[in-house]
Amino acid sequence: MLEANAPKAVVDLVERFERNLEAYRSEAYNETRLRREFIDPFFGALGWDIDNRSGAAEAYKDVIHEDSIKIGGATKAPDYCFRIGGTRKFFVEAKKPAVNVKQESASAFGRRIQDHLVTLVRRMLALSPPLADAKSPPAKTRIERQIQATDAAIDRLVFELYGLSEEEMRIAGGETNPWTPV
């Protein structure tokens, strides 16, 4: 049961969502529709100027959509950045209702990284036979460089996936590996 003091617009949104839950949880209902039909009106009902209707200067907007932020050396873009007086207060990352964020093993961000990792691993596997068949030293060197570049790209993605700090990346990258025998 909804709180008696919830804004009517919020109560209406919740009731509409509950009435059509099956349709909203289908794969066809995407994140953009969720944001436009529910999340934007929800925060608007709570008093946030989602669309900058007040005409605030960029530095003082209530909400920045897909604001760029640095986290652990990586740049992220959460769907919403909520600010007061230009100061970030909290972020919201939306997912379509078909995504069960508690049970999914990877977020949409993680899924993109995983897809890229699969591509890189396939590239690495595809480079092994040509390396073995390389006849000339320049051809072998070229393939070895491709393998090294692919390996470095895989490392960067794994570091990003696990949100490693710069120091952790340096250690894992082998520059200061505490597990290497002295």
C-alpha atoms as a PDB file:
ATOM      1  CA  MET A   1       0.000   0.000   0.000  1.00  0.00           C
ATOM      2  CA  LEU A   2       1.320   3.432  -0.932  1.00  0.00           C
ATOM      3  CA  GLU A   3       2.008   6.087   1.666  1.00  0.00           C
ATOM      4  CA  ALA A   4      -0.865   8.531   2.102  1.00  0.00           C
ATOM      5  CA  ASN A   5       1.505  11.487   1.677  1.00  0.00           C
ATOM      6  CA  ALA A   6       3.026  10.357  -1.648  1.00  0.00           C
ATOM      7  CA  PRO A   7       2.362  12.825  -4.484  1.00  0.00           C
ATOM      8  CA  LYS A   8      -0.659  11.801  -6.563  1.00  0.00           C
ATOM      9  CA  ALA A   9       1.504  11.664  -9.705  1.00  0.00           C
ATOM     10  CA  VAL A  10       3.774   9.086  -8.020  1.00  0.00           C
ATOM     11  CA  VAL A  11       0.793   7.013  -6.878  1.00  0.00           C
ATOM     12  CA  ASP A  12      -0.591   7.114 -10.435  1.00  0.00           C
ATOM     13  CA  LEU A  13       2.755   6.005 -11.896  1.00  0.00           C
ATOM     14  CA  VAL A  14       3.018   3.078  -9.477  1.00  0.00           C
ATOM     15  CA  GLU A  15      -0.553   1.973 -10.141  1.00  0.00           C
ATOM     16  CA  ARG A  16      -0.086   2.187 -13.930  1.00  0.00           C
ATOM     17  CA  PHE A  17       3.128   0.196 -13.701  1.00  0.00           C
ATOM     18  CA  GLU A  18       1.484  -2.495 -11.557  1.00  0.00           C
ATOM     19  CA  ARG A  19      -1.515  -2.717 -13.921  1.00  0.00           C
ATOM     20  CA  ASN A  20       0.710  -3.290 -16.953  1.00  0.00           C
ATOM     21  CA  LEU A  21       3.590  -5.097 -15.272  1.00  0.00           C
ATOM     22  CA  GLU A  22       3.642  -8.014 -17.695  1.00  0.00           C
ATOM     23  CA  ALA A  23       3.934  -5.730 -20.740  1.00  0.00           C
ATOM     24  CA  TYR A  24       6.634  -3.609 -19.091  1.00  0.00           C
ATOM     25  CA  ARG A  25       8.698  -6.671 -18.196  1.00  0.00           C
ATOM     26  CA  SER A  26       8.691  -7.935 -21.772  1.00  0.00           C
ATOM     27  CA  GLU A  27      11.910  -7.689 -23.781  1.00  0.00           C
ATOM     28  CA  ALA A  28      10.135  -5.308 -26.172  1.00  0.00           C
ATOM     29  CA  TYR A  29       9.796  -2.587 -23.524  1.00  0.00           C
ATOM     30  CA  ASN A  30      13.135  -0.793 -23.544  1.00  0.00           C
ATOM     31  CA  GLU A  31      15.039   1.452 -21.156  1.00  0.00           C
ATOM     32  CA  THR A  32      14.341   4.655 -23.086  1.00  0.00           C
ATOM     33  CA  ARG A  33      10.588   4.103 -22.836  1.00  0.00           C
ATOM     34  CA  LEU A  34      10.928   3.348 -19.125  1.00  0.00           C
ATOM     35  CA  ARG A  35      12.885   6.555 -18.598  1.00  0.00           C
ATOM     36  CA  ARG A  36      10.436   8.744 -20.552  1.00  0.00           C
ATOM     37  CA  GLU A  37       7.216   7.137 -19.231  1.00  0.00           C
ATOM     38  CA  PHE A  38       8.143   6.484 -15.604  1.00  0.00           C
ATOM     39  CA  ILE A  39      11.505   7.673 -14.319  1.00  0.00           C
ATOM     40  CA  ASP A  40      11.360  11.225 -15.709  1.00  0.00           C
ATOM     41  CA  PRO A  41       7.778  11.795 -14.473  1.00  0.00           C
ATOM     42  CA  PHE A  42       8.625  10.202 -11.106  1.00  0.00           C
ATOM     43  CA  PHE A  43      11.493  12.583 -10.391  1.00  0.00           C
ATOM     44  CA  GLY A  44       9.501  15.467 -11.879  1.00  0.00           C
ATOM     45  CA  ALA A  45       6.703  14.724  -9.392  1.00  0.00           C
ATOM     46  CA  LEU A  46       9.291  14.890  -6.613  1.00  0.00           C
ATOM     47  CA  GLY A  47      10.267  18.385  -7.723  1.00  0.00           C
ATOM     48  CA  TRP A  48      13.338  17.756  -9.869  1.00  0.00           C
ATOM     49  CA  ASP A  49      13.612  19.828 -13.067  1.00  0.00           C
ATOM     50  CA  ILE A  50      14.302  16.814 -15.303  1.00  0.00           C
ATOM     51  CA  ASP A  51      14.084  18.732 -18.613  1.00  0.00           C
ATOM     52  CA  ASN A  52      15.556  22.049 -17.403  1.00  0.00           C
ATOM     53  CA  ARG A  53      12.239  23.839 -17.977  1.00  0.00           C
ATOM     54  CA  SER A  54      13.531  26.625 -15.720  1.00  0.00           C
ATOM     55  CA  GLY A  55      16.266  27.376 -18.244  1.00  0.00           C
ATOM     56  CA  ALA A  56      19.058  27.094 -15.673  1.00  0.00           C
ATOM     57  CA  ALA A  57      22.616  27.602 -16.887  1.00  0.00           C
ATOM     58  CA  GLU A  58      24.534  24.385 -17.555  1.00  0.00           C
ATOM     59  CA  ALA A  59      26.430  24.654 -14.278  1.00  0.00           C
ATOM     60  CA  TYR A  60      23.188  24.878 -12.264  1.00  0.00           C
ATOM     61  CA  LYS A  61      20.872  22.364 -13.922  1.00  0.00           C
ATOM     62  CA  ASP A  62      19.092  20.036 -11.487  1.00  0.00           C
ATOM     63  CA  VAL A  63      19.629  16.984 -13.655  1.00  0.00           C
ATOM     64  CA  ILE A  64      22.367  16.102 -16.118  1.00  0.00           C
ATOM     65  CA  HIS A  65      21.549  13.189 -18.399  1.00  0.00           C
ATOM     66  CA  GLU A  66      24.486  10.831 -19.031  1.00  0.00           C
ATOM     67  CA  ASP A  67      26.945  13.013 -17.127  1.00  0.00           C
ATOM     68  CA  SER A  68      30.579  11.910 -17.561  1.00  0.00           C
ATOM     69  CA  ILE A  69      32.276  10.916 -14.328  1.00  0.00           C
ATOM     70  CA  LYS A  70      35.616   9.271 -13.586  1.00  0.00           C
ATOM     71  CA  ILE A  71      35.468   6.120 -11.470  1.00  0.00           C
ATOM     72  CA  GLY A  72      38.602   4.103 -10.858  1.00  0.00           C
ATOM     73  CA  GLY A  73      40.338   5.611 -13.875  1.00  0.00           C
ATOM     74  CA  ALA A  74      37.416   4.828 -16.187  1.00  0.00           C
ATOM     75  CA  THR A  75      34.859   7.271 -17.515  1.00  0.00           C
ATOM     76  CA  LYS A  76      31.248   6.303 -16.810  1.00  0.00           C
ATOM     77  CA  ALA A  77      27.993   7.955 -17.871  1.00  0.00           C
ATOM     78  CA  PRO A  78      25.140   7.214 -15.460  1.00  0.00           C
ATOM     79  CA  ASP A  79      21.705   7.899 -16.921  1.00  0.00           C
ATOM     80  CA  TYR A  80      20.978  10.671 -14.421  1.00  0.00           C
ATOM     81  CA  CYS A  81      23.114  12.916 -12.245  1.00  0.00           C
ATOM     82  CA  PHE A  82      21.041  14.855  -9.708  1.00  0.00           C
ATOM     83  CA  ARG A  83      22.515  18.121  -8.440  1.00  0.00           C
ATOM     84  CA  ILE A  84      21.655  20.876  -6.022  1.00  0.00           C
ATOM     85  CA  GLY A  85      23.250  24.231  -6.711  1.00  0.00           C
ATOM     86  CA  GLY A  86      25.549  22.593  -9.248  1.00  0.00           C
ATOM     87  CA  THR A  87      26.859  20.032  -6.734  1.00  0.00           C
ATOM     88  CA  ARG A  88      26.371  16.336  -7.529  1.00  0.00           C
ATOM     89  CA  LYS A  89      24.173  14.641  -4.944  1.00  0.00           C
ATOM     90  CA  PHE A  90      23.346  11.225  -6.428  1.00  0.00           C
ATOM     91  CA  PHE A  91      23.245   9.197  -9.632  1.00  0.00           C
ATOM     92  CA  VAL A  92      20.598   6.917 -11.114  1.00  0.00           C
ATOM     93  CA  GLU A  93      21.356   4.179 -13.624  1.00  0.00           C
ATOM     94  CA  ALA A  94      18.168   2.924 -15.291  1.00  0.00           C
ATOM     95  CA  LYS A  95      17.584  -0.585 -16.578  1.00  0.00           C
ATOM     96  CA  LYS A  96      14.587  -1.834 -18.499  1.00  0.00           C
ATOM     97  CA  PRO A  97      12.163  -3.803 -16.296  1.00  0.00           C
ATOM     98  CA  ALA A  98      13.059  -7.088 -18.030  1.00  0.00           C
ATOM     99  CA  VAL A  99      16.542  -6.829 -16.468  1.00  0.00           C
ATOM    100  CA  ASN A 100      16.618  -8.288 -12.971  1.00  0.00           C
ATOM    101  CA  VAL A 101      19.556  -6.372 -11.533  1.00  0.00           C
ATOM    102  CA  LYS A 102      19.696  -8.656  -8.489  1.00  0.00           C
ATOM    103  CA  GLN A 103      20.023 -11.831 -10.547  1.00  0.00           C
ATOM    104  CA  GLU A 104      21.783 -10.685 -13.710  1.00  0.00           C
ATOM    105  CA  SER A 105      25.459 -11.592 -13.595  1.00  0.00           C
ATOM    106  CA  ALA A 106      26.419  -8.496 -15.588  1.00  0.00           C
ATOM    107  CA  SER A 107      24.983  -5.037 -15.974  1.00  0.00           C
ATOM    108  CA  ALA A 108      24.511  -3.524 -19.407  1.00  0.00           C
ATOM    109  CA  PHE A 109      27.914  -1.879 -18.978  1.00  0.00           C
ATOM    110  CA  GLY A 110      29.451  -5.209 -17.979  1.00  0.00           C
ATOM    111  CA  ARG A 111      27.728  -6.939 -20.865  1.00  0.00           C
ATOM    112  CA  ARG A 112      29.312  -4.500 -23.351  1.00  0.00           C
ATOM    113  CA  ILE A 113      32.715  -5.206 -21.826  1.00  0.00           C
ATOM    114  CA  GLN A 114      32.070  -8.952 -21.974  1.00  0.00           C
ATOM    115  CA  ASP A 115      31.083  -8.724 -25.644  1.00  0.00           C
ATOM    116  CA  HIS A 116      34.249  -6.777 -26.408  1.00  0.00           C
ATOM    117  CA  LEU A 117      36.317  -9.303 -24.424  1.00  0.00           C
ATOM    118  CA  VAL A 118      34.886 -12.164 -26.473  1.00  0.00           C
ATOM    119  CA  THR A 119      35.815 -10.326 -29.668  1.00  0.00           C
ATOM    120  CA  LEU A 120      39.364  -9.750 -28.432  1.00  0.00           C
ATOM    121  CA  VAL A 121      39.793 -13.362 -27.288  1.00  0.00           C
ATOM    122  CA  ARG A 122      38.605 -14.575 -30.699  1.00  0.00           C
ATOM    123  CA  ARG A 123      41.111 -12.225 -32.327  1.00  0.00           C
ATOM    124  CA  MET A 124      43.854 -13.605 -30.074  1.00  0.00           C
ATOM    125  CA  LEU A 125      42.929 -17.184 -30.999  1.00  0.00           C
ATOM    126  CA  ALA A 126      42.837 -16.287 -34.688  1.00  0.00           C
ATOM    127  CA  LEU A 127      46.366 -14.837 -34.503  1.00  0.00           C
ATOM    128  CA  SER A 128      47.980 -18.031 -33.172  1.00  0.00           C
ATOM    129  CA  PRO A 129      47.946 -20.092 -36.407  1.00  0.00           C
ATOM    130  CA  PRO A 130      49.362 -17.249 -38.564  1.00  0.00           C
ATOM    131  CA  LEU A 131      52.134 -16.749 -35.994  1.00  0.00           C
ATOM    132  CA  ALA A 132      53.087 -20.422 -36.204  1.00  0.00           C
ATOM    133  CA  ASP A 133      53.005 -20.244 -40.020  1.00  0.00           C
ATOM    134  CA  ALA A 134      54.952 -16.964 -40.323  1.00  0.00           C
ATOM    135  CA  LYS A 135      57.943 -17.490 -42.610  1.00  0.00           C
ATOM    136  CA  SER A 136      59.761 -14.175 -42.399  1.00  0.00           C
ATOM    137  CA  PRO A 137      60.965 -12.340 -39.273  1.00  0.00           C
ATOM    138  CA  PRO A 138      59.022  -9.153 -40.225  1.00  0.00           C
ATOM    139  CA  ALA A 139      55.786 -11.149 -40.603  1.00  0.00           C
ATOM    140  CA  LYS A 140      56.376 -12.869 -37.261  1.00  0.00           C
ATOM    141  CA  THR A 141      57.146  -9.512 -35.571  1.00  0.00           C
ATOM    142  CA  ARG A 142      53.969  -7.948 -37.016  1.00  0.00           C
ATOM    143  CA  ILE A 143      51.782 -10.782 -35.685  1.00  0.00           C
ATOM    144  CA  GLU A 144      53.542 -10.747 -32.283  1.00  0.00           C
ATOM    145  CA  ARG A 145      52.799  -7.001 -32.027  1.00  0.00           C
ATOM    146  CA  GLN A 146      49.136  -7.655 -32.848  1.00  0.00           C
ATOM    147  CA  ILE A 147      49.044 -10.326 -30.138  1.00  0.00           C
ATOM    148  CA  GLN A 148      50.682  -7.953 -27.614  1.00  0.00           C
ATOM    149  CA  ALA A 149      48.228  -5.156 -28.471  1.00  0.00           C
ATOM    150  CA  THR A 150      45.270  -7.524 -28.188  1.00  0.00           C
ATOM    151  CA  ASP A 151      46.575  -8.867 -24.866  1.00  0.00           C
ATOM    152  CA  ALA A 152      46.957  -5.309 -23.536  1.00  0.00           C
ATOM    153  CA  ALA A 153      43.394  -4.464 -24.661  1.00  0.00           C
ATOM    154  CA  ILE A 154      42.091  -7.568 -22.849  1.00  0.00           C
ATOM    155  CA  ASP A 155      43.949  -6.526 -19.681  1.00  0.00           C
ATOM    156  CA  ARG A 156      42.477  -3.006 -19.840  1.00  0.00           C
ATOM    157  CA  LEU A 157      38.940  -4.356 -20.222  1.00  0.00           C
ATOM    158  CA  VAL A 158      39.352  -6.807 -17.346  1.00  0.00           C
ATOM    159  CA  PHE A 159      40.733  -4.001 -15.159  1.00  0.00           C
ATOM    160  CA  GLU A 160      37.760  -1.823 -16.119  1.00  0.00           C
ATOM    161  CA  LEU A 161      35.277  -4.648 -15.520  1.00  0.00           C
ATOM    162  CA  TYR A 162      36.590  -5.135 -11.991  1.00  0.00           C
ATOM    163  CA  GLY A 163      36.978  -1.393 -11.343  1.00  0.00           C
ATOM    164  CA  LEU A 164      40.647  -1.662 -10.388  1.00  0.00           C
ATOM    165  CA  SER A 165      42.465   1.423  -9.139  1.00  0.00           C
ATOM    166  CA  GLU A 166      45.530   2.751 -10.962  1.00  0.00           C
ATOM    167  CA  GLU A 167      47.777   1.071  -8.365  1.00  0.00           C
ATOM    168  CA  GLU A 168      45.944  -2.259  -8.691  1.00  0.00           C
ATOM    169  CA  MET A 169      46.234  -2.054 -12.487  1.00  0.00           C
ATOM    170  CA  ARG A 170      49.964  -1.371 -12.213  1.00  0.00           C
ATOM    171  CA  ILE A 171      50.461  -4.330  -9.885  1.00  0.00           C
ATOM    172  CA  ALA A 172      48.295  -6.677 -11.983  1.00  0.00           C
ATOM    173  CA  GLY A 173      50.033  -5.460 -15.139  1.00  0.00           C
ATOM    174  CA  GLY A 174      53.305  -6.882 -13.861  1.00  0.00           C
ATOM    175  CA  GLU A 175      55.258  -3.701 -13.145  1.00  0.00           C
ATOM    176  CA  THR A 176      55.224  -4.475  -9.421  1.00  0.00           C
ATOM    177  CA  ASN A 177      53.850  -7.957  -9.143  1.00  0.00           C
ATOM    178  CA  PRO A 178      54.073  -9.074  -5.486  1.00  0.00           C
ATOM    179  CA  TRP A 179      53.646 -12.709  -6.536  1.00  0.00           C
ATOM    180  CA  THR A 180      56.671 -12.742  -8.828  1.00  0.00           C
ATOM    181  CA  PRO A 181      59.599 -14.568  -7.187  1.00  0.00           C
ATOM    182  CA  VAL A 182      62.557 -12.272  -6.400  1.00  0.00           C
END
